[in-house]
Amino acid sequence: MQGELERVLGHLYGVPMPVQCAGRTDAGVHARGQVAHVDAPMAATTDIDVRRINRALPADLRILRMEEVSPQFDARFSALWRRYSYRVCDGGVGPDPLARHLVLPWPRWLDVDRMNEAAEPLHGEHDFAPFCKQREFATTVRGLERLRWYRDEAGLAVMDIQADAFCHSMVRSLVGALLPVGDGRRTVDWPGQVLHSGVKDSGVTVMPAYPLVLEQVGYPPPEEWAERQQRTRVRRDT
């Protein structure tokens, strides 16, 4: 997304326009609620038109809304939280063919209540290194605000997860730790044990990216944007 936006904006307006997204998702992840900002030159701001940009973008990328904000706003560092969903079709029948690019097929039936019970120890601020693809000099401490499984109107098992930020592969690894609990192959306390062990467990599978969707990004009021940036940029350690 970021690369395509930068390419199109640069082509249309003749000047480089670096784009900052609320979060870089893993390759293959979808987004319904991505937020981005661009520092546009003053000369270009009066000519920027959403319809013109959308006509130049590929079919899988659209700008839904655009507005001018103060320089204190940063799409990434001003954010309070990110919310994702992950959809699973269990029982072996397989997903609706029209939704196959957004739903993971799972051969066994899942107990949503067991998965929610197993997720309880994961809530709060922890070092999620056992569930992350670690990057040099980057912290893996995150604040998990919500992780809840439910059944939607189509009967799919859906994970609704929200945190102040996520590490690379973190959500997909959490799904990989909870699905074996839901189908009875792992005990309810196993995901918590993996978290508190501090090391990766070969039993945790990083699940496919395509059912993962960035649903929403939350921000504080405008008067708190700058303060939130400062707090976010401080490295957290256990």
Protein backbone atom coordinates (compact mmCIF):
# COMPACT_ATOMS: atom_id res chain seq x y z
CA MET A 1 0.00 0.00 0.00
CA GLN A 2 2.64 2.52 1.05
CA GLY A 3 4.76 1.97 -2.03
CA GLU A 4 1.80 2.23 -4.41
CA LEU A 5 0.57 5.46 -2.82
CA GLU A 6 4.01 7.03 -3.00
CA ARG A 7 4.37 5.99 -6.63
CA VAL A 8 0.98 7.36 -7.68
CA LEU A 9 1.29 10.62 -5.73
CA GLY A 10 4.77 11.25 -7.09
CA HIS A 11 3.57 10.57 -10.64
CA LEU A 12 0.47 12.76 -10.39
CA TYR A 13 2.00 15.74 -8.64
CA GLY A 14 5.58 15.63 -9.81
CA VAL A 15 7.21 15.71 -6.38
CA PRO A 16 8.13 12.94 -3.89
CA MET A 17 5.45 12.49 -1.21
CA PRO A 18 6.61 10.03 1.48
CA VAL A 19 3.69 8.15 3.04
CA GLN A 20 3.56 7.06 6.70
CA CYS A 21 1.03 4.32 7.54
CA ALA A 22 -0.50 3.55 10.92
CA GLY A 23 1.22 0.20 10.81
CA ARG A 24 3.08 -2.02 8.38
CA THR A 25 1.18 -5.26 8.10
CA ASP A 26 2.69 -8.60 7.11
CA ALA A 27 2.68 -9.36 3.39
CA GLY A 28 -0.72 -10.67 2.31
CA VAL A 29 -2.69 -9.02 5.11
CA HIS A 30 -5.78 -7.00 4.14
CA ALA A 31 -6.88 -3.66 5.58
CA ARG A 32 -10.30 -2.03 5.84
CA GLY A 33 -9.25 0.69 8.27
CA GLN A 34 -5.68 1.63 7.40
CA VAL A 35 -4.70 5.24 8.11
CA ALA A 36 -1.82 7.10 6.49
CA HIS A 37 -0.47 10.62 6.35
CA VAL A 38 1.59 12.42 3.75
CA ASP A 39 3.53 15.67 4.08
CA ALA A 40 2.45 17.34 0.85
CA PRO A 41 4.19 20.45 -0.50
CA MET A 42 2.07 23.57 -0.11
CA ALA A 43 1.83 24.00 -3.88
CA ALA A 44 0.26 20.57 -4.27
CA THR A 45 -2.31 20.69 -1.48
CA THR A 46 -4.90 22.68 -3.47
CA ASP A 47 -4.71 20.25 -6.40
CA ILE A 48 -4.95 16.95 -4.50
CA ASP A 49 -8.18 15.20 -5.46
CA VAL A 50 -9.25 11.82 -4.07
CA ARG A 51 -11.06 10.79 -7.24
CA ARG A 52 -8.03 11.52 -9.38
CA ILE A 53 -5.76 9.52 -7.06
CA ASN A 54 -8.17 6.56 -6.91
CA ARG A 55 -8.35 6.39 -10.70
CA ALA A 56 -4.58 5.96 -10.78
CA LEU A 57 -4.38 3.40 -7.98
CA PRO A 58 -4.61 -0.37 -8.56
CA ALA A 59 -8.04 -1.94 -8.11
CA ASP A 60 -7.22 -3.40 -4.69
CA LEU A 61 -6.41 -0.03 -3.10
CA ARG A 62 -8.75 2.90 -2.49
CA ILE A 63 -8.67 6.13 -0.49
CA LEU A 64 -12.02 6.51 1.29
CA ARG A 65 -11.47 9.86 2.98
CA MET A 66 -8.86 12.59 3.05
CA GLU A 67 -8.53 15.64 5.29
CA GLU A 68 -5.93 18.22 6.25
CA VAL A 69 -4.45 17.84 9.73
CA SER A 70 -1.86 19.67 11.80
CA PRO A 71 1.84 18.71 11.66
CA GLN A 72 1.41 17.22 15.14
CA PHE A 73 -0.47 14.24 13.66
CA ASP A 74 1.50 11.13 12.79
CA ALA A 75 -0.44 8.16 11.44
CA ARG A 76 1.89 5.69 13.16
CA PHE A 77 3.11 7.33 16.35
CA SER A 78 -0.10 9.22 17.27
CA ALA A 79 -2.17 6.01 17.25
CA LEU A 80 -3.57 4.66 20.51
CA TRP A 81 -4.46 1.19 19.24
CA ARG A 82 -4.92 -1.09 16.23
CA ARG A 83 -7.74 -3.61 15.85
CA TYR A 84 -7.59 -6.71 13.63
CA SER A 85 -9.89 -9.60 12.80
CA TYR A 86 -9.06 -13.17 11.73
CA ARG A 87 -11.75 -15.47 10.28
CA VAL A 88 -11.75 -19.27 10.38
CA CYS A 89 -14.20 -21.74 8.83
CA ASP A 90 -14.00 -24.88 10.96
CA GLY A 91 -15.39 -28.38 10.64
CA GLY A 92 -13.86 -29.35 7.32
CA VAL A 93 -16.59 -28.10 4.95
CA GLY A 94 -14.54 -25.10 3.85
CA PRO A 95 -15.44 -21.44 3.41
CA ASP A 96 -17.85 -19.88 0.95
CA PRO A 97 -15.94 -19.89 -2.37
CA LEU A 98 -16.57 -16.14 -2.73
CA ALA A 99 -14.88 -15.56 0.65
CA ARG A 100 -12.03 -18.03 0.27
CA HIS A 101 -9.44 -15.24 0.07
CA LEU A 102 -10.47 -13.93 3.50
CA VAL A 103 -11.25 -17.10 5.50
CA LEU A 104 -8.97 -19.88 6.76
CA PRO A 105 -10.31 -23.44 6.35
CA TRP A 106 -9.81 -25.56 9.48
CA PRO A 107 -10.47 -29.32 9.43
CA ARG A 108 -11.65 -29.64 13.06
CA TRP A 109 -14.46 -28.07 15.04
CA LEU A 110 -13.39 -25.24 17.35
CA ASP A 111 -14.59 -24.52 20.88
CA VAL A 112 -14.70 -20.71 21.03
CA ASP A 113 -15.14 -20.68 24.81
CA ARG A 114 -11.94 -22.70 25.30
CA MET A 115 -10.01 -20.29 23.09
CA ASN A 116 -11.30 -17.30 25.03
CA GLU A 117 -10.31 -18.93 28.31
CA ALA A 118 -6.85 -19.66 26.92
CA ALA A 119 -6.49 -16.03 25.80
CA GLU A 120 -7.07 -14.55 29.26
CA PRO A 121 -3.40 -14.74 30.44
CA LEU A 122 -2.32 -12.98 27.25
CA HIS A 123 -4.13 -9.74 28.09
CA GLY A 124 -2.15 -6.80 29.42
CA GLU A 125 1.40 -5.63 28.81
CA HIS A 126 3.86 -8.46 28.21
CA ASP A 127 6.97 -9.31 26.25
CA PHE A 128 5.44 -11.17 23.29
CA ALA A 129 8.81 -12.37 21.96
CA PRO A 130 7.62 -16.03 21.81
CA PHE A 131 4.96 -14.94 19.30
CA CYS A 132 6.97 -12.43 17.24
CA LYS A 133 9.42 -12.31 14.41
CA GLN A 134 12.07 -10.32 16.22
CA ARG A 135 13.91 -7.40 14.64
CA GLU A 136 17.28 -6.08 15.75
CA PHE A 137 17.05 -3.28 18.33
CA ALA A 138 13.21 -3.44 18.34
CA THR A 139 11.22 -4.15 21.48
CA THR A 140 8.64 -6.95 21.61
CA VAL A 141 6.78 -5.51 24.61
CA ARG A 142 3.16 -4.83 23.69
CA GLY A 143 -0.08 -4.02 25.48
CA LEU A 144 -2.83 -6.45 24.47
CA GLU A 145 -6.15 -4.77 25.23
CA ARG A 146 -8.59 -7.30 23.81
CA LEU A 147 -8.51 -10.80 22.35
CA ARG A 148 -11.93 -12.36 21.89
CA TRP A 149 -13.30 -15.14 19.72
CA TYR A 150 -16.95 -15.22 18.62
CA ARG A 151 -19.20 -16.73 15.98
CA ASP A 152 -20.46 -14.36 13.27
CA GLU A 153 -23.77 -14.59 11.42
CA ALA A 154 -22.25 -17.07 8.95
CA GLY A 155 -21.03 -19.35 11.76
CA LEU A 156 -17.36 -18.50 11.24
CA ALA A 157 -15.01 -18.37 14.23
CA VAL A 158 -13.74 -14.80 14.30
CA MET A 159 -10.92 -13.42 16.44
CA ASP A 160 -11.25 -9.75 17.40
CA ILE A 161 -7.90 -8.50 18.70
CA GLN A 162 -6.77 -5.03 19.76
CA ALA A 163 -3.45 -3.74 21.11
CA ASP A 164 -1.51 -0.51 21.28
CA ALA A 165 0.75 -2.03 18.61
CA PHE A 166 1.72 -5.41 17.19
CA CYS A 167 5.03 -7.04 16.33
CA HIS A 168 5.62 -8.77 13.02
CA SER A 169 3.74 -12.10 12.86
CA MET A 170 2.37 -11.59 16.38
CA VAL A 171 -1.34 -11.89 15.54
CA ARG A 172 -0.84 -14.86 13.24
CA SER A 173 1.23 -16.62 15.89
CA LEU A 174 -1.42 -16.01 18.54
CA VAL A 175 -4.00 -17.55 16.21
CA GLY A 176 -1.64 -20.50 15.75
CA ALA A 177 -1.42 -20.94 19.51
CA LEU A 178 -5.17 -20.73 20.12
CA LEU A 179 -6.57 -22.91 17.33
CA PRO A 180 -5.01 -26.13 18.76
CA VAL A 181 -6.68 -25.25 22.07
CA GLY A 182 -10.01 -24.77 20.35
CA ASP A 183 -9.88 -28.16 18.63
CA GLY A 184 -8.74 -29.96 21.80
CA ARG A 185 -5.15 -30.81 20.85
CA ARG A 186 -3.66 -28.43 23.43
CA THR A 187 -4.62 -27.58 26.99
CA VAL A 188 -6.22 -24.26 27.90
CA ASP A 189 -3.15 -23.11 29.84
CA TRP A 190 -0.67 -23.82 27.00
CA PRO A 191 -0.67 -20.36 25.27
CA GLY A 192 -0.02 -18.67 28.63
CA GLN A 193 2.82 -21.08 29.34
CA VAL A 194 4.40 -20.24 25.97
CA LEU A 195 4.14 -16.51 26.68
CA HIS A 196 5.74 -16.73 30.11
CA SER A 197 8.48 -19.10 28.94
CA GLY A 198 10.05 -16.21 27.06
CA VAL A 199 11.14 -18.40 24.15
CA LYS A 200 9.56 -19.60 20.92
CA ASP A 201 7.75 -22.95 20.94
CA SER A 202 7.92 -25.14 17.84
CA GLY A 203 4.28 -26.04 18.47
CA VAL A 204 3.14 -22.51 17.61
CA THR A 205 2.42 -22.23 13.90
CA VAL A 206 2.45 -18.83 12.21
CA MET A 207 -0.89 -18.98 10.41
CA PRO A 208 -1.49 -17.69 6.85
CA ALA A 209 -1.77 -13.93 6.37
CA TYR A 210 -4.76 -13.68 4.03
CA PRO A 211 -7.58 -14.04 6.65
CA LEU A 212 -6.05 -11.23 8.75
CA VAL A 213 -7.68 -7.81 8.31
CA LEU A 214 -6.73 -4.47 9.86
CA GLU A 215 -10.19 -3.22 10.85
CA GLN A 216 -9.60 0.07 12.66
CA VAL A 217 -6.97 2.41 14.12
CA GLY A 218 -7.79 4.58 17.14
CA TYR A 219 -6.43 8.06 17.88
CA PRO A 220 -6.71 10.52 20.77
CA PRO A 221 -8.21 14.02 20.36
CA PRO A 222 -6.10 16.41 18.24
CA GLU A 223 -4.79 18.26 21.27
CA GLU A 224 -3.17 15.00 22.45
CA TRP A 225 -1.49 13.99 19.18
CA ALA A 226 1.93 15.42 20.03
CA GLU A 227 2.00 13.94 23.54
CA ARG A 228 0.98 10.54 22.20
CA GLN A 229 3.81 10.68 19.66
CA GLN A 230 6.35 11.32 22.40
CA ARG A 231 5.08 8.44 24.52
CA THR A 232 4.97 5.99 21.61
CA ARG A 233 8.54 6.73 20.55
CA VAL A 234 9.90 5.72 23.97
CA ARG A 235 11.20 2.14 23.81
CA ARG A 236 9.46 -0.20 26.23
CA ASP A 237 11.33 -3.01 27.97
CA THR A 238 10.34 -5.56 30.54
